[in-house]
Structures are given as C-alpha cells and as structure tokens.
C-alpha cells in the first residue's frame, strides 16, 4: 500500500523548469519533486507520494499524520533506509 507521508522542506533547488527539494521525514531526508505544489517554500510541510509533493499542509496536521502512520507501523514500508 502506498501512502502520502508528511515531510518538512529543508532546501529547494530550481532545475530549469523543474523544482525539487530535500525533504525531511523524521530522521530521513529524501529528494522530492515540487512540480505539483509551486506554492511550497522552505520550512513548509508537504504530503509526499512516490517522490512527488502533492499538497502543502500545516505543521500540526503533518505531525498528527506522521504520528498515526508511525503507530500503525506504516512508515517502515514507505520510507526504507536511504541507499548509501
């Protein structure tokens, strides 16, 4: 099952017409496309599904969602350890 996971934008890179960001999910940082959320800014929280940010959410909603996913044990499958 694929879920959208909330993460915090740490850094944004403009790559021509494409926007990408380093997004933190707990202790894991991943590269994410921001093309679907052009309004997203550094320190915003975004819901991420298969490498694409699909919406901007407030910090409280992001924290609630992250905690629920963690309690369900769903984060391990969605956020496997980063490759070396």
C-alpha atoms as a PDB file:
ATOM      1  CA  UNK A   1       0.000   0.000   0.000  1.00  0.00           C
ATOM      2  CA  UNK A   2       1.369   3.419  -0.935  1.00  0.00           C
ATOM      3  CA  UNK A   3       0.625   6.329   1.362  1.00  0.00           C
ATOM      4  CA  UNK A   4       1.344  10.042   1.324  1.00  0.00           C
ATOM      5  CA  UNK A   5       3.863  10.877   4.032  1.00  0.00           C
ATOM      6  CA  UNK A   6       4.284  14.366   5.523  1.00  0.00           C
ATOM      7  CA  UNK A   7       7.741  15.912   5.429  1.00  0.00           C
ATOM      8  CA  UNK A   8       9.402  19.278   6.005  1.00  0.00           C
ATOM      9  CA  UNK A   9      11.131  21.107   3.144  1.00  0.00           C
ATOM     10  CA  UNK A  10      14.762  21.797   4.050  1.00  0.00           C
ATOM     11  CA  UNK A  11      16.090  23.127   0.749  1.00  0.00           C
ATOM     12  CA  UNK A  12      14.683  23.890  -2.701  1.00  0.00           C
ATOM     13  CA  UNK A  13      16.562  23.507  -5.985  1.00  0.00           C
ATOM     14  CA  UNK A  14      15.418  25.047  -9.245  1.00  0.00           C
ATOM     15  CA  UNK A  15      16.445  22.831 -12.165  1.00  0.00           C
ATOM     16  CA  UNK A  16      15.289  24.685 -15.250  1.00  0.00           C
ATOM     17  CA  UNK A  17      11.501  24.419 -15.310  1.00  0.00           C
ATOM     18  CA  UNK A  18      11.599  21.740 -12.596  1.00  0.00           C
ATOM     19  CA  UNK A  19      11.555  22.306  -8.842  1.00  0.00           C
ATOM     20  CA  UNK A  20      12.901  19.773  -6.391  1.00  0.00           C
ATOM     21  CA  UNK A  21      13.532  19.801  -2.669  1.00  0.00           C
ATOM     22  CA  UNK A  22      15.319  17.994   0.091  1.00  0.00           C
ATOM     23  CA  UNK A  23      12.507  16.926   2.419  1.00  0.00           C
ATOM     24  CA  UNK A  24      12.907  15.539   5.928  1.00  0.00           C
ATOM     25  CA  UNK A  25      10.708  12.691   7.169  1.00  0.00           C
ATOM     26  CA  UNK A  26      11.650  12.162  10.795  1.00  0.00           C
ATOM     27  CA  UNK A  27      15.372  11.377  10.583  1.00  0.00           C
ATOM     28  CA  UNK A  28      15.352  10.563   6.850  1.00  0.00           C
ATOM     29  CA  UNK A  29      15.977  13.124   4.088  1.00  0.00           C
ATOM     30  CA  UNK A  30      14.885  12.443   0.514  1.00  0.00           C
ATOM     31  CA  UNK A  31      14.775  14.294  -2.805  1.00  0.00           C
ATOM     32  CA  UNK A  32      11.196  15.204  -3.790  1.00  0.00           C
ATOM     33  CA  UNK A  33       9.623  16.862  -6.818  1.00  0.00           C
ATOM     34  CA  UNK A  34       7.720  20.098  -6.070  1.00  0.00           C
ATOM     35  CA  UNK A  35       6.166  20.486  -9.518  1.00  0.00           C
ATOM     36  CA  UNK A  36       2.624  19.836  -8.222  1.00  0.00           C
ATOM     37  CA  UNK A  37       2.956  22.398  -5.395  1.00  0.00           C
ATOM     38  CA  UNK A  38       4.530  25.542  -6.871  1.00  0.00           C
ATOM     39  CA  UNK A  39       3.491  27.496  -3.768  1.00  0.00           C
ATOM     40  CA  UNK A  40       5.692  25.361  -1.464  1.00  0.00           C
ATOM     41  CA  UNK A  41       8.531  27.154   0.333  1.00  0.00           C
ATOM     42  CA  UNK A  42      11.412  26.219   2.654  1.00  0.00           C
ATOM     43  CA  UNK A  43      10.094  25.143   6.105  1.00  0.00           C
ATOM     44  CA  UNK A  44       6.668  24.210   4.674  1.00  0.00           C
ATOM     45  CA  UNK A  45       5.308  20.741   5.275  1.00  0.00           C
ATOM     46  CA  UNK A  46       4.205  18.753   2.246  1.00  0.00           C
ATOM     47  CA  UNK A  47       2.446  15.445   1.748  1.00  0.00           C
ATOM     48  CA  UNK A  48       4.662  13.247  -0.447  1.00  0.00           C
ATOM     49  CA  UNK A  49       3.520  10.293  -2.531  1.00  0.00           C
ATOM     50  CA  UNK A  50       6.036   8.253  -4.582  1.00  0.00           C
ATOM     51  CA  UNK A  51       8.563  11.110  -4.686  1.00  0.00           C
ATOM     52  CA  UNK A  52       6.120  13.910  -5.535  1.00  0.00           C
ATOM     53  CA  UNK A  53       4.820  16.532  -3.117  1.00  0.00           C
ATOM     54  CA  UNK A  54       1.057  16.577  -3.701  1.00  0.00           C
ATOM     55  CA  UNK A  55      -0.114  19.187  -1.184  1.00  0.00           C
ATOM     56  CA  UNK A  56       1.103  21.668   1.401  1.00  0.00           C
ATOM     57  CA  UNK A  57      -0.156  21.051   4.963  1.00  0.00           C
ATOM     58  CA  UNK A  58       0.269  22.901   8.235  1.00  0.00           C
ATOM     59  CA  UNK A  59       2.785  21.681  10.820  1.00  0.00           C
ATOM     60  CA  UNK A  60       0.145  20.359  13.237  1.00  0.00           C
ATOM     61  CA  UNK A  61      -1.561  18.269  10.545  1.00  0.00           C
ATOM     62  CA  UNK A  62       1.803  16.931   9.363  1.00  0.00           C
ATOM     63  CA  UNK A  63       2.757  15.904  12.909  1.00  0.00           C
ATOM     64  CA  UNK A  64      -0.612  14.211  13.551  1.00  0.00           C
ATOM     65  CA  UNK A  65      -0.409  12.273  10.288  1.00  0.00           C
ATOM     66  CA  UNK A  66       3.214  11.244  10.869  1.00  0.00           C
ATOM     67  CA  UNK A  67       2.409  10.001  14.396  1.00  0.00           C
ATOM     68  CA  UNK A  68      -0.574   7.966  13.157  1.00  0.00           C
ATOM     69  CA  UNK A  69       1.487   6.360  10.398  1.00  0.00           C
ATOM     70  CA  UNK A  70       4.243   5.579  12.898  1.00  0.00           C
ATOM     71  CA  UNK A  71       1.760   3.994  15.325  1.00  0.00           C
ATOM     72  CA  UNK A  72       0.331   1.874  12.504  1.00  0.00           C
ATOM     73  CA  UNK A  73       3.828   0.686  11.577  1.00  0.00           C
ATOM     74  CA  UNK A  74       3.330   2.031   8.057  1.00  0.00           C
ATOM     75  CA  UNK A  75       6.443   4.205   7.880  1.00  0.00           C
ATOM     76  CA  UNK A  76       8.965   1.393   7.525  1.00  0.00           C
ATOM     77  CA  UNK A  77       7.444   0.212   4.251  1.00  0.00           C
ATOM     78  CA  UNK A  78       7.027   3.725   2.857  1.00  0.00           C
ATOM     79  CA  UNK A  79      10.408   5.109   3.982  1.00  0.00           C
ATOM     80  CA  UNK A  80      13.010   2.372   3.743  1.00  0.00           C
ATOM     81  CA  UNK A  81      16.533   3.411   4.766  1.00  0.00           C
ATOM     82  CA  UNK A  82      18.339   5.635   2.277  1.00  0.00           C
ATOM     83  CA  UNK A  83      20.773   3.896  -0.043  1.00  0.00           C
ATOM     84  CA  UNK A  84      24.465   4.607   0.702  1.00  0.00           C
END
